[in-house]
Protein backbone atom coordinates (compact mmCIF):
# COMPACT_ATOMS: atom_id res chain seq x y z
CA MET A 1 -17.60 -18.23 14.68
CA SER A 2 -14.98 -20.41 12.50
CA SER A 3 -13.25 -18.95 9.68
CA ALA A 4 -12.30 -20.73 6.42
CA LYS A 5 -9.06 -20.92 7.37
CA GLU A 6 -9.50 -22.35 10.67
CA LEU A 7 -11.70 -25.00 8.93
CA ARG A 8 -9.19 -25.85 6.73
CA GLU A 9 -6.67 -26.02 9.74
CA VAL A 10 -9.05 -28.66 11.26
CA LYS A 11 -9.55 -30.85 8.55
CA MET A 12 -5.84 -31.16 8.00
CA LYS A 13 -5.34 -31.95 11.23
CA LYS A 14 -7.79 -34.89 11.31
CA SER A 15 -6.54 -35.83 7.95
CA ASP A 16 -2.50 -36.17 9.10
CA LYS A 17 -3.88 -38.52 11.84
CA LYS A 18 -5.61 -40.66 9.80
CA ARG A 19 -4.45 -40.08 6.25
CA LYS A 20 -4.38 -43.65 5.22
CA LYS A 21 -7.25 -44.39 6.24
CA ARG A 22 -9.48 -41.77 5.70
CA PRO A 23 -8.30 -39.19 3.04
CA ASP A 24 -9.85 -35.49 3.47
CA PRO A 25 -11.97 -34.88 -0.04
CA ASP A 26 -11.24 -31.24 0.41
CA GLN A 27 -7.45 -31.87 0.58
CA GLU A 28 -8.00 -34.38 -2.69
CA GLU A 29 -9.49 -31.25 -4.45
CA ALA A 30 -6.57 -29.00 -3.30
CA ASN A 31 -3.95 -31.72 -4.59
CA ALA A 32 -5.72 -32.21 -7.78
CA ILE A 33 -5.39 -28.64 -8.48
CA ASN A 34 -1.77 -28.24 -7.71
CA ASN A 35 -1.25 -31.57 -9.27
CA GLU A 36 -2.61 -29.74 -12.42
CA ALA A 37 -1.08 -26.67 -12.48
CA GLY A 38 2.44 -27.82 -11.27
CA GLY A 39 3.88 -28.34 -14.80
CA LEU A 40 2.53 -25.15 -16.04
CA PRO A 41 4.90 -22.55 -17.35
CA SER A 42 4.71 -18.97 -15.91
CA GLU A 43 1.43 -16.92 -17.34
CA GLU A 44 3.43 -14.65 -19.21
CA GLN A 45 6.27 -13.81 -21.17
CA LYS A 46 8.19 -11.29 -18.90
CA VAL A 47 9.12 -14.54 -16.41
CA ASP A 48 12.41 -15.75 -16.77
CA LYS A 49 12.56 -19.39 -17.67
CA ASN A 50 15.09 -20.31 -14.86
CA GLU A 51 13.69 -18.20 -12.23
CA ASP A 52 11.15 -20.59 -10.74
CA LYS A 53 13.05 -24.03 -10.35
CA SER A 54 12.11 -24.42 -6.90
CA SER A 55 8.41 -25.44 -6.27
CA ASN A 56 8.27 -25.93 -2.85
CA GLY A 57 6.28 -22.91 -1.88
CA SER A 58 7.13 -19.67 -0.28
CA ASN A 59 9.00 -19.24 2.67
CA VAL A 60 6.29 -16.57 4.23
CA LYS A 61 4.20 -19.14 6.68
CA GLN A 62 0.67 -18.83 7.65
CA GLU A 63 0.39 -17.61 11.35
CA THR A 64 -2.90 -18.42 12.54
CA HIS A 65 -2.28 -16.16 15.75
CA VAL A 66 0.14 -13.23 15.36
CA GLU A 67 1.61 -11.13 18.35
CA SER A 68 3.48 -7.88 18.00
CA ASN A 69 5.27 -5.91 20.97
CA GLY A 70 8.18 -3.31 20.77
CA ASP A 71 10.65 -6.56 20.04
CA ASP A 72 9.06 -7.53 17.12
CA VAL A 73 8.91 -4.07 15.75
CA ALA A 74 12.65 -3.09 16.25
CA GLU A 75 13.50 -6.29 14.81
CA GLY A 76 11.82 -5.40 11.69
CA VAL A 77 13.44 -2.14 11.39
CA GLU A 78 17.03 -4.05 12.04
CA GLY A 79 15.78 -6.28 9.36
CA LEU A 80 15.33 -3.14 6.80
CA THR A 81 18.93 -1.49 8.03
CA THR A 82 20.63 -4.81 7.20
CA TYR A 83 18.87 -4.81 3.78
CA ALA A 84 20.28 -1.17 3.20
CA LYS A 85 23.76 -2.76 4.01
CA LYS A 86 23.58 -5.00 1.41
CA LYS A 87 22.87 -2.68 -1.74
CA ASN A 88 25.63 -1.64 -3.70
CA ASN A 89 25.48 2.00 -5.46
CA LYS A 90 26.74 0.68 -8.75
CA SER A 91 25.05 2.36 -10.97
CA HIS A 92 24.11 5.76 -11.60
CA GLY A 93 20.14 6.54 -11.47
CA ILE A 94 18.34 8.24 -8.67
CA LEU A 95 21.98 9.10 -7.03
CA THR A 96 24.29 11.97 -7.47
CA ALA A 97 28.07 12.34 -7.37
CA GLU A 98 27.48 14.27 -4.00
CA PRO A 99 28.29 12.73 -1.02
CA PHE A 100 26.94 12.79 2.63
CA SER A 101 30.37 13.54 3.68
CA ARG A 102 29.98 17.44 2.19
CA LEU A 103 27.15 18.02 4.42
CA PRO A 104 27.72 19.96 7.56
CA LEU A 105 26.49 17.26 9.77
CA SER A 106 27.27 16.31 13.17
CA GLU A 107 29.85 13.15 13.60
CA HIS A 108 26.88 11.05 15.56
CA THR A 109 24.73 11.92 12.52
CA MET A 110 27.33 11.36 9.77
CA LYS A 111 28.30 7.68 11.60
CA ALA A 112 24.93 6.57 11.67
CA ILE A 113 24.72 7.31 7.70
CA GLN A 114 27.89 5.22 7.19
CA GLU A 115 26.58 2.38 8.97
CA MET A 116 23.45 2.11 6.99
CA GLY A 117 25.60 1.77 3.88
CA PHE A 118 24.66 5.39 2.28
CA GLU A 119 27.60 7.09 0.90
CA HIS A 120 26.08 9.72 -2.33
CA MET A 121 23.14 11.12 -1.86
CA THR A 122 20.03 10.97 -4.08
CA GLN A 123 18.80 13.75 -6.08
CA ILE A 124 16.07 15.10 -3.60
CA GLN A 125 18.52 14.74 -0.80
CA SER A 126 21.24 16.63 -2.56
CA ARG A 127 18.54 19.52 -3.29
CA ALA A 128 16.29 19.29 -0.09
CA ILE A 129 18.96 18.84 2.58
CA PRO A 130 21.15 21.74 2.46
CA PRO A 131 18.24 24.39 2.22
CA LEU A 132 16.50 22.58 5.24
CA LEU A 133 19.81 22.63 7.07
CA ALA A 134 19.97 26.08 6.53
CA GLY A 135 16.37 26.83 8.10
CA LYS A 136 14.51 27.18 4.95
CA GLU A 137 11.11 26.01 4.20
CA VAL A 138 10.89 23.19 1.77
CA MET A 139 8.43 21.74 -0.43
CA GLY A 140 9.78 18.53 -2.31
CA ALA A 141 8.02 16.31 -4.78
CA ALA A 142 9.87 13.02 -6.42
CA ARG A 143 8.55 10.11 -7.34
CA THR A 144 8.43 6.92 -5.02
CA GLY A 145 11.68 5.26 -4.12
CA SER A 146 13.73 8.20 -4.40
CA GLY A 147 14.82 8.54 -0.90
CA LYS A 148 12.31 11.41 0.59
CA THR A 149 12.23 10.05 4.06
CA LEU A 150 15.91 10.26 4.60
CA ALA A 151 15.67 13.69 2.95
CA PHE A 152 13.72 15.21 6.07
CA LEU A 153 14.86 13.07 8.94
CA ILE A 154 18.75 14.21 8.82
CA PRO A 155 17.67 17.57 9.11
CA ALA A 156 15.22 17.05 11.74
CA ILE A 157 17.71 15.09 13.76
CA GLU A 158 20.39 17.68 13.26
CA LEU A 159 18.04 20.25 14.03
CA LEU A 160 17.28 18.59 17.69
CA ARG A 161 21.08 17.99 18.35
CA ASN A 162 22.11 21.54 17.72
CA ILE A 163 19.48 23.41 19.18
CA GLY A 164 20.12 21.03 22.68
CA PHE A 165 16.53 19.86 22.68
CA MET A 166 15.76 17.80 25.82
CA PRO A 167 12.57 15.93 27.09
CA ARG A 168 11.77 18.76 29.18
CA ASN A 169 11.26 21.04 26.45
CA GLY A 170 8.43 18.62 25.05
CA THR A 171 7.97 17.96 21.05
CA GLY A 172 10.58 19.64 18.72
CA VAL A 173 9.81 18.27 15.61
CA ILE A 174 6.45 16.58 14.38
CA ILE A 175 6.23 13.88 11.23
CA ILE A 176 2.96 13.81 10.15
CA CYS A 177 2.21 10.50 7.97
CA PRO A 178 -1.06 9.37 6.05
CA THR A 179 -1.03 5.86 7.53
CA ARG A 180 0.17 3.81 10.84
CA GLU A 181 2.09 1.66 8.94
CA LEU A 182 4.44 4.60 7.09
CA ALA A 183 4.46 6.38 10.55
CA ILE A 184 5.90 3.03 12.17
CA GLN A 185 8.27 2.95 9.56
CA VAL A 186 9.41 6.40 9.59
CA ARG A 187 9.90 6.06 13.16
CA LEU A 188 13.92 6.67 13.36
CA LEU A 189 13.61 8.25 16.92
CA LEU A 190 10.13 7.40 17.69
CA LEU A 191 9.11 7.08 21.22
CA VAL A 192 5.38 7.00 20.45
CA ARG A 193 4.23 4.34 17.83
CA CYS A 194 0.66 5.24 16.15
CA GLY A 195 -1.70 2.55 16.64
CA ALA A 196 -0.69 1.90 20.17
CA GLY A 197 -3.23 2.41 23.04
CA ARG A 198 -3.89 6.03 23.76
CA ARG A 199 -3.20 5.73 27.17
CA GLY A 200 0.39 4.71 26.98
CA GLU A 201 0.82 7.17 24.12
CA ALA A 202 -0.37 10.10 26.57
CA GLU A 203 2.11 8.87 29.25
CA HIS A 204 4.98 9.44 26.79
CA LEU A 205 3.95 12.61 25.69
CA TYR A 206 3.57 13.80 29.36
CA LYS A 207 7.29 12.65 29.76
CA GLY A 208 8.46 14.51 26.64
CA VAL A 209 8.76 13.04 23.29
CA ASN A 210 11.31 15.32 21.00
CA LEU A 211 10.35 13.68 17.78
CA LEU A 212 6.72 12.61 17.31
CA VAL A 213 5.60 10.90 14.17
CA ALA A 214 1.82 10.45 14.05
CA THR A 215 -1.12 10.25 11.72
CA PRO A 216 -3.64 13.43 11.33
CA GLY A 217 -6.29 11.73 13.24
CA ARG A 218 -4.50 10.45 16.18
CA LEU A 219 -2.13 13.93 16.34
CA LEU A 220 -5.47 16.10 16.44
CA ASP A 221 -6.49 13.73 19.27
CA HIS A 222 -3.61 14.37 21.30
CA LEU A 223 -3.73 17.82 20.50
CA GLN A 224 -7.51 18.46 21.52
CA ASN A 225 -7.29 15.95 24.72
CA THR A 226 -4.09 15.27 26.39
CA LYS A 227 -3.16 17.86 28.98
CA GLY A 228 0.49 16.71 29.16
CA PHE A 229 1.46 17.10 25.66
CA ILE A 230 4.12 20.08 25.23
CA TYR A 231 4.37 21.47 22.04
CA LYS A 232 4.86 25.25 22.45
CA SER A 233 8.45 24.59 21.57
CA LEU A 234 7.74 23.02 18.67
CA ALA A 235 10.89 23.82 16.04
CA PHE A 236 10.13 21.67 12.95
CA LEU A 237 6.76 20.41 11.57
CA ILE A 238 7.35 17.88 8.34
CA ILE A 239 4.16 16.62 6.10
CA ASP A 240 5.22 13.27 4.24
CA GLU A 241 2.88 12.07 1.54
CA ALA A 242 0.45 15.24 1.36
CA ASP A 243 -0.94 14.23 -1.96
CA ARG A 244 -2.08 10.65 0.27
CA ILE A 245 -2.89 12.60 3.27
CA LEU A 246 -5.75 14.57 1.36
CA GLU A 247 -6.48 11.47 -0.65
CA ALA A 248 -7.45 10.36 2.58
CA ASN A 249 -9.65 12.88 3.38
CA PHE A 250 -7.78 14.47 6.42
CA GLU A 251 -7.70 18.00 4.89
CA GLU A 252 -10.26 18.99 7.52
CA ASP A 253 -8.05 17.21 10.33
CA MET A 254 -5.08 19.20 8.89
CA LYS A 255 -6.87 22.50 9.25
CA GLN A 256 -7.36 22.16 12.51
CA ILE A 257 -3.97 20.76 13.40
CA PHE A 258 -2.15 24.16 11.52
CA LYS A 259 -4.64 26.21 13.98
CA ARG A 260 -3.45 24.41 17.03
CA LEU A 261 0.46 24.51 16.35
CA PRO A 262 2.68 27.30 16.82
CA LYS A 263 3.77 28.97 14.28
CA SER A 264 7.10 29.91 16.23
CA PRO A 265 8.74 28.35 19.30
CA ALA A 266 7.88 29.43 22.30
CA ASN A 267 11.21 28.89 23.98
CA SER A 268 13.19 32.02 22.99
CA SER A 269 16.70 30.36 24.29
CA LEU A 270 16.41 27.90 21.24
CA THR A 271 18.92 28.83 19.29
CA TYR A 272 19.92 27.32 15.44
CA ASN A 273 23.08 28.19 13.31
CA ASN A 274 23.92 30.79 16.06
CA ASN A 275 20.52 32.52 15.70
CA ASN A 276 17.38 32.88 18.04
CA MET A 277 14.72 30.15 16.18
CA GLN A 278 11.94 33.19 15.76
CA THR A 279 9.75 30.98 13.26
CA ARG A 280 8.86 27.16 12.96
CA GLN A 281 10.46 25.64 10.38
CA THR A 282 8.05 23.36 7.72
CA ALA A 283 8.61 21.11 5.06
CA LEU A 284 6.15 19.28 2.78
CA PHE A 285 6.68 16.21 0.69
CA THR A 286 5.01 14.47 -2.14
CA ALA A 287 5.42 11.74 -4.75
CA THR A 288 2.64 13.42 -7.24
CA GLN A 289 2.02 17.36 -7.77
CA THR A 290 -1.65 18.36 -7.97
CA LYS A 291 -3.48 21.63 -7.70
CA GLN A 292 -5.02 20.28 -4.55
CA VAL A 293 -1.57 19.74 -3.20
CA GLU A 294 -0.46 23.26 -4.16
CA ASP A 295 -3.39 24.59 -2.23
CA PHE A 296 -2.65 22.43 0.54
CA ALA A 297 0.92 23.89 0.46
CA ASN A 298 -0.44 27.44 0.64
CA LEU A 299 -2.05 26.49 4.08
CA SER A 300 1.08 24.95 5.53
CA PHE A 301 3.84 27.72 4.78
CA LYS A 302 4.08 30.78 6.19
CA GLU A 303 6.29 32.18 3.72
CA LYS A 304 7.37 30.95 -0.09
CA PRO A 305 9.19 27.70 0.17
CA VAL A 306 12.13 26.51 -1.60
CA TYR A 307 10.52 24.03 -4.56
CA VAL A 308 12.63 20.97 -5.10
CA GLY A 309 11.03 19.02 -8.33
CA VAL A 310 13.49 16.51 -9.24
CA ASP A 311 11.10 14.92 -11.55
CA ASP A 312 10.16 17.75 -13.61
CA GLY A 313 10.29 17.18 -17.34
CA ARG A 314 11.05 13.78 -17.17
CA SER A 315 9.86 11.42 -20.06
CA LYS A 316 8.67 9.11 -17.48
CA VAL A 317 7.30 9.32 -13.87
CA THR A 318 8.51 5.96 -12.74
CA VAL A 319 12.19 4.57 -12.00
CA GLU A 320 14.65 3.49 -14.51
CA GLY A 321 14.72 -0.28 -13.44
CA LEU A 322 10.94 -1.16 -13.50
CA GLN A 323 9.49 -3.08 -16.22
CA GLN A 324 5.75 -2.65 -16.62
CA GLY A 325 3.28 -4.31 -18.45
CA TYR A 326 -0.73 -5.67 -18.77
CA CYS A 327 -2.54 -8.49 -19.65
CA VAL A 328 -6.00 -8.52 -21.24
CA VAL A 329 -8.10 -11.16 -19.43
CA PRO A 330 -11.54 -11.91 -19.35
CA SER A 331 -13.53 -11.67 -16.20
CA ASN A 332 -14.23 -15.29 -15.99
CA LYS A 333 -10.24 -16.77 -16.17
CA ARG A 334 -8.74 -13.57 -13.72
CA PHE A 335 -8.04 -16.16 -11.03
CA LEU A 336 -7.18 -18.91 -13.12
CA VAL A 337 -4.48 -16.44 -14.50
CA LEU A 338 -3.62 -15.17 -11.19
CA TYR A 339 -3.14 -18.49 -9.92
CA ALA A 340 -1.29 -19.83 -12.49
CA PHE A 341 1.20 -16.91 -12.22
CA LEU A 342 1.93 -17.11 -8.60
CA LYS A 343 2.43 -20.99 -8.54
CA ARG A 344 5.16 -20.53 -11.30
CA ASN A 345 6.76 -17.55 -8.89
CA LEU A 346 6.82 -19.18 -5.62
CA SER A 347 10.62 -18.14 -5.49
CA LYS A 348 9.73 -14.61 -5.95
CA LYS A 349 8.49 -11.82 -3.98
CA ILE A 350 5.28 -10.70 -4.91
CA MET A 351 2.46 -7.90 -3.62
CA VAL A 352 -0.84 -8.38 -4.99
CA PHE A 353 -3.24 -5.41 -4.96
CA PHE A 354 -7.14 -5.87 -4.48
CA SER A 355 -9.84 -3.21 -4.59
CA SER A 356 -11.39 -4.18 -1.41
CA CYS A 357 -10.70 -5.63 2.18
CA ASN A 358 -13.33 -8.48 1.84
CA SER A 359 -11.61 -9.41 -1.81
CA VAL A 360 -8.39 -9.74 0.14
CA LYS A 361 -9.74 -11.64 2.93
CA TYR A 362 -11.41 -14.56 0.78
CA HIS A 363 -8.63 -14.70 -2.06
CA SER A 364 -6.12 -15.45 1.04
CA GLU A 365 -8.30 -17.77 2.35
CA LEU A 366 -9.00 -19.54 -0.90
CA LEU A 367 -5.27 -19.39 -1.79
CA ARG A 368 -4.33 -21.06 1.44
CA TYR A 369 -6.64 -23.64 1.25
CA ILE A 370 -5.62 -25.15 -1.85
CA ARG A 371 -2.20 -24.59 -0.41
CA VAL A 372 -0.63 -21.65 -1.60
CA ASP A 373 1.03 -19.82 1.36
CA CYS A 374 0.50 -16.17 1.39
CA LEU A 375 0.16 -13.17 3.77
CA ASP A 376 -2.15 -10.62 3.89
CA ILE A 377 -2.77 -6.93 4.76
CA HIS A 378 -6.02 -4.92 4.91
CA GLY A 379 -7.63 -1.81 6.66
CA LYS A 380 -10.09 -4.12 8.67
CA GLN A 381 -7.45 -6.14 10.31
CA LYS A 382 -6.21 -4.56 13.88
CA GLN A 383 -3.24 -2.62 13.96
CA GLN A 384 -1.11 -5.23 15.82
CA LYS A 385 -1.62 -7.73 13.20
CA ARG A 386 -0.81 -5.40 10.45
CA THR A 387 2.32 -4.36 12.03
CA SER A 388 3.25 -7.79 12.43
CA THR A 389 2.50 -9.03 8.88
CA PHE A 390 4.51 -6.14 7.35
CA PHE A 391 7.62 -6.62 9.16
CA GLU A 392 7.45 -10.27 8.22
CA PHE A 393 7.22 -9.56 4.70
CA CYS A 394 10.03 -6.95 4.92
CA LYS A 395 12.09 -9.98 6.21
CA ALA A 396 10.88 -12.64 4.08
CA GLU A 397 13.19 -13.23 1.18
CA LYS A 398 10.13 -14.56 -1.06
CA GLY A 399 6.41 -14.71 -0.53
CA ILE A 400 3.24 -13.34 -1.36
CA LEU A 401 1.36 -10.65 0.30
CA LEU A 402 -2.50 -9.39 -0.60
CA CYS A 403 -3.16 -6.09 0.15
CA THR A 404 -5.55 -3.21 -0.33
CA ASP A 405 -4.15 0.39 -1.09
CA VAL A 406 -3.34 0.36 2.46
CA ALA A 407 0.34 -0.80 1.93
CA ALA A 408 0.79 1.14 -1.56
CA ARG A 409 2.08 4.34 -0.05
CA GLY A 410 5.52 5.11 1.09
CA LEU A 411 6.37 1.76 2.68
CA ASP A 412 9.51 0.46 2.03
CA ILE A 413 9.60 -3.29 1.55
CA PRO A 414 12.94 -4.37 0.73
CA ALA A 415 13.45 -6.49 -2.60
CA VAL A 416 9.85 -6.85 -3.99
CA ASP A 417 10.14 -8.65 -7.50
CA TRP A 418 6.59 -8.45 -8.62
CA ILE A 419 3.63 -5.73 -8.20
CA VAL A 420 0.51 -7.45 -9.30
CA GLN A 421 -2.34 -5.31 -9.99
CA TYR A 422 -5.41 -7.48 -10.01
CA ASP A 423 -7.99 -5.08 -9.52
CA PRO A 424 -7.00 -2.06 -11.59
CA PRO A 425 -6.32 1.39 -9.38
CA ASP A 426 -8.62 4.23 -9.43
CA GLU A 427 -6.84 6.52 -11.72
CA PRO A 428 -2.68 6.61 -12.98
CA LYS A 429 -1.74 8.67 -9.84
CA GLU A 430 -2.62 5.81 -7.59
CA TYR A 431 -1.03 2.98 -9.94
CA ILE A 432 2.13 4.86 -9.64
CA HIS A 433 1.91 4.68 -6.27
CA ARG A 434 1.26 0.61 -6.20
CA VAL A 435 4.51 0.00 -8.66
CA GLY A 436 6.35 2.10 -6.50
CA ARG A 437 6.66 -0.73 -3.84
CA THR A 438 9.34 -2.68 -6.10
CA ALA A 439 12.51 -1.21 -7.87
CA ARG A 440 13.27 1.11 -4.72
CA GLY A 441 16.34 2.70 -4.50
CA GLU A 442 19.58 2.89 -6.54
CA GLY A 443 20.19 -0.05 -9.20
CA SER A 444 17.05 -1.84 -8.07
CA LYS A 445 14.80 -3.76 -10.30
CA GLY A 446 11.27 -4.65 -10.39
CA ASN A 447 8.50 -5.68 -12.43
CA ALA A 448 4.75 -4.90 -12.24
CA LEU A 449 1.85 -6.41 -13.75
CA LEU A 450 -1.89 -5.08 -14.37
CA PHE A 451 -4.78 -6.89 -15.24
CA LEU A 452 -7.51 -5.40 -17.48
CA LEU A 453 -10.76 -6.44 -18.44
CA PRO A 454 -11.08 -6.07 -22.59
CA GLU A 455 -13.66 -3.10 -21.98
CA GLU A 456 -10.70 -1.41 -19.70
CA LEU A 457 -8.28 -0.70 -22.38
CA GLN A 458 -8.95 2.84 -22.36
CA PHE A 459 -6.93 3.22 -19.15
CA LEU A 460 -4.23 2.86 -20.84
CA ILE A 461 -4.60 6.09 -22.50
CA TYR A 462 -4.48 7.88 -19.33
CA LEU A 463 -1.38 6.05 -18.28
CA LYS A 464 0.17 7.48 -21.50
CA GLU A 465 -1.02 10.82 -20.79
CA ALA A 466 0.77 10.20 -17.27
CA LYS A 467 3.98 9.24 -18.62
CA VAL A 468 3.82 5.46 -17.55
CA PRO A 469 5.35 3.04 -20.01
CA VAL A 470 3.63 -0.21 -20.27
CA LYS A 471 3.51 -3.22 -22.96
CA GLU A 472 1.07 -6.02 -23.47
CA TYR A 473 2.05 -9.39 -22.17
CA GLU A 474 0.36 -11.82 -23.84
CA PHE A 475 -0.82 -15.09 -21.79
CA ASN A 476 -1.63 -18.34 -23.58
CA ALA A 477 -5.16 -19.38 -22.67
CA LYS A 478 -4.23 -22.78 -23.41
CA LYS A 479 -1.83 -22.97 -20.86
CA VAL A 480 -4.41 -21.64 -17.88
CA PRO A 481 -4.96 -24.67 -16.21
CA ASN A 482 -8.38 -25.94 -16.31
CA LEU A 483 -9.35 -25.68 -12.63
CA GLN A 484 -12.82 -23.60 -12.67
CA SER A 485 -14.80 -26.74 -11.41
CA HIS A 486 -12.36 -27.93 -9.00
CA LEU A 487 -12.55 -24.54 -7.43
CA GLU A 488 -16.38 -23.92 -7.59
CA LYS A 489 -16.70 -27.40 -5.74
CA ILE A 490 -14.54 -26.43 -3.17
CA VAL A 491 -16.15 -23.15 -2.41
CA GLY A 492 -19.61 -24.69 -2.84
CA GLU A 493 -18.80 -27.38 -0.33
CA ASN A 494 -17.34 -24.71 2.41
CA TYR A 495 -19.60 -22.74 3.88
CA PHE A 496 -17.32 -20.30 5.28
CA LEU A 497 -15.31 -19.98 2.32
CA GLN A 498 -18.64 -19.60 0.46
CA GLN A 499 -19.82 -16.59 2.61
CA SER A 500 -16.43 -15.25 2.16
CA ALA A 501 -16.70 -15.47 -1.50
CA ARG A 502 -19.94 -13.64 -1.46
CA ASP A 503 -18.84 -10.71 0.47
CA ALA A 504 -15.95 -10.26 -1.65
CA TYR A 505 -18.00 -10.40 -4.78
CA ARG A 506 -20.36 -7.86 -3.79
CA SER A 507 -17.62 -5.65 -2.45
CA TYR A 508 -15.67 -5.82 -5.60
CA ILE A 509 -19.00 -4.79 -7.27
CA LEU A 510 -19.56 -1.83 -5.22
CA ALA A 511 -15.87 -0.87 -5.39
CA TYR A 512 -15.83 -1.01 -9.42
CA ASN A 513 -19.10 1.20 -9.23
CA SER A 514 -17.05 3.70 -6.87
CA HIS A 515 -14.35 4.46 -9.67
CA SER A 516 -13.97 8.07 -10.54
CA MET A 517 -13.10 7.14 -14.38
CA LYS A 518 -16.88 5.64 -14.84
CA ASN A 519 -16.07 6.25 -18.82
CA VAL A 520 -13.40 3.37 -18.26
CA PHE A 521 -14.35 1.55 -15.39
CA ASN A 522 -18.08 1.09 -16.33
CA VAL A 523 -20.16 -1.12 -13.88
CA HIS A 524 -22.70 -1.52 -16.32
CA GLN A 525 -20.67 -3.52 -18.74
CA LEU A 526 -19.44 -5.94 -16.56
CA ASN A 527 -20.93 -9.64 -17.31
CA LEU A 528 -22.08 -10.59 -13.98
CA LYS A 529 -22.09 -14.31 -14.65
CA ASP A 530 -18.19 -14.18 -15.63
CA VAL A 531 -17.22 -11.73 -12.45
CA ALA A 532 -18.93 -14.59 -10.30
CA ALA A 533 -17.16 -17.21 -12.17
CA SER A 534 -13.85 -15.15 -10.81
CA PHE A 535 -14.86 -15.69 -7.51
CA CYS A 536 -15.59 -19.39 -7.89
CA PHE A 537 -19.29 -19.16 -7.86
CA THR A 538 -21.15 -21.62 -10.94
CA THR A 539 -23.98 -18.39 -10.96
CA PRO A 540 -24.23 -15.07 -9.69
CA PRO A 541 -25.07 -15.29 -5.86
CA LYS A 542 -27.72 -13.26 -4.99
CA VAL A 543 -26.59 -10.18 -3.11
CA ASN A 544 -28.10 -6.74 -1.95
CA LEU A 545 -26.27 -4.30 -4.86
CA ASP A 546 -27.23 -0.85 -3.43
CA LEU A 547 -25.42 0.72 -6.22
CA GLU A 548 -26.99 4.14 -5.73
CA SER A 549 -25.38 5.01 -2.68
CA SER A 550 -22.06 4.83 -3.90
CA ALA A 551 -22.83 6.22 -6.92
CA SER A 552 -21.29 9.60 -8.31
CA LYS A 553 -22.91 13.17 -7.29
CA PHE A 554 -24.52 13.13 -10.85
CA ARG A 555 -26.02 9.96 -10.58
CA LYS A 556 -27.56 10.52 -6.82
CA LYS A 557 -29.28 13.64 -8.88
CA MET A 558 -30.89 11.11 -11.06
CA ARG A 559 -32.05 8.79 -8.50
CA ARG A 560 -35.70 7.68 -8.91
CA THR A 561 -38.16 6.02 -6.83
CA ASP A 562 -37.75 2.75 -8.62
CA GLY A 563 -33.87 2.80 -7.93
CA GLY A 564 -32.62 4.49 -10.92
CA ARG A 565 -32.19 3.71 -14.70
CA HIS A 566 -30.71 0.41 -14.07
CA GLY A 567 -33.54 -0.85 -12.32
CA ILE A 568 -32.09 -1.58 -9.05
CA SER A 569 -34.18 -1.39 -5.88
CA SER A 570 -34.58 -3.09 -2.34
CA SER A 571 -37.19 -5.03 -3.76
CA ASN A 572 -35.18 -5.83 -6.99
CA PRO A 573 -31.48 -5.49 -6.16
CA TYR A 574 -30.52 -7.02 -9.21
CA GLY A 575 -31.77 -4.72 -11.58
CA ARG A 576 -33.82 -5.00 -15.19
CA GLN A 577 -32.79 -8.00 -17.15
CA SER A 578 -33.84 -8.47 -20.70
CA THR A 579 -34.34 -12.40 -21.48
CA ASP A 580 -31.17 -12.59 -23.72
CA ASP A 581 -29.09 -10.80 -21.31
CA THR A 582 -26.54 -12.70 -19.03
CA ARG A 583 -25.78 -9.85 -16.91
CA GLN A 584 -27.70 -9.21 -13.31
CA PHE A 585 -28.24 -5.52 -14.48
CA VAL A 586 -28.02 -3.46 -17.11
CA ARG A 587 -28.39 0.39 -17.64
CA HIS A 588 -31.64 1.57 -19.88
């Protein structure tokens, strides 16, 4: 079955051939939308007046068929390294006065650091690297963009070099990451790439992989089923983004991994710092410190680790160069405001976060249909597509990336100007990780914009308690383009786009219902007619909303045979509705 994107491409090709004789009515609608929004100023006051003199669109091109291979990945990593060279350490924020040259590093490692353009260490690096080089166990906690990855990669490489680890020894260092994208980015010396074919990975493991970066699920799979996987001489275990690993429900997998991994290297000939390695070294890094992470750390370490918390006692948890704000937008104006914002910032590099894969898919199709080029990443895509898109956006100087939280953790995407949270995060901790994709590194600057409904303003209280400073950006409703009827016509006349919008609408409501902070994000306070308008529907579409299946535990206990207090059931998927109520369901 053709997608909305494919349908648009077919129509555009036909239109190009017969443009003068028979113009495409769908394209005329898209052109009308672009023309009406073209002269609008930015949606809020944070945008500089001179920042969008170019209106030619993003240089990130839409691809109908993307293939990725090893060369693509290598080129992407090279692009990141090139960006690192361009950065100048002029200001003093996360950097310290401690140079890397003062560390007892090998000549090869020191040369690599210098070639990447790094001269001074960040706070987490200056406090975590020395004890790790000394063979101690370390638990590090630092905000996003503070240099945690290099803090554990340097000691890992030094350990392998100093103990003379060879391929015949098997795997000496294992780095566990929560997502495949982060594992790909971390793989400084990686031979096994997460997301590749399992058979190919097994062949690499059989030949010997000294440094392995993997996700918990794939690592456990190889530990259980790959006979040629030699890990008895494991000397160093690193757990990156431990809080995210727990949030992704990998705790049971990690417990099984801990049981299978040796607590000390089996090869007694391995020496480090002129001493035989008697125990395995462990390091755990996290961006947010929680009770769950502390309990997890107790399982990870054999002895009390050296704790390195660089953000303890800070007045705010986000970086200095990040300007954060929110705008209060009613449901029926949400997409119009987003569209106006994107159109006025086509010269910028922007990431837009959504709550569901279907929502990312629909909005990317709609934006491309009306000629706003964008990329998209979500969990339903194949790994090859996600990897290719990730590196394409990394190398781009400007562009728009629509994504779910799969891209919110750990990834270092160069020079992101704006983080737009179109759908609010589940909690302040997730907000912090989303905005951590911009203003990364010393002296970097970035902007973050959070969309909130009027009934969601209580979320600001929780952000303040989490030490996240945000200020309100007001948008002028008169300057928002009056495009609703045009958009509704486009979606209504395109079957594939309409189906995509229905799926996104349903996923939005289900995701909203799954929010843990139900006192802030209450699905029963949504005006579904206005919500439907944000997905370009004239009236709310009929979709099956089984809210009870995704409700919290206390809601499940109160389930009734008629579908619960809101009146939703298989025979009545829209719930009870009074004669003067515009919503599809209400709580009684």
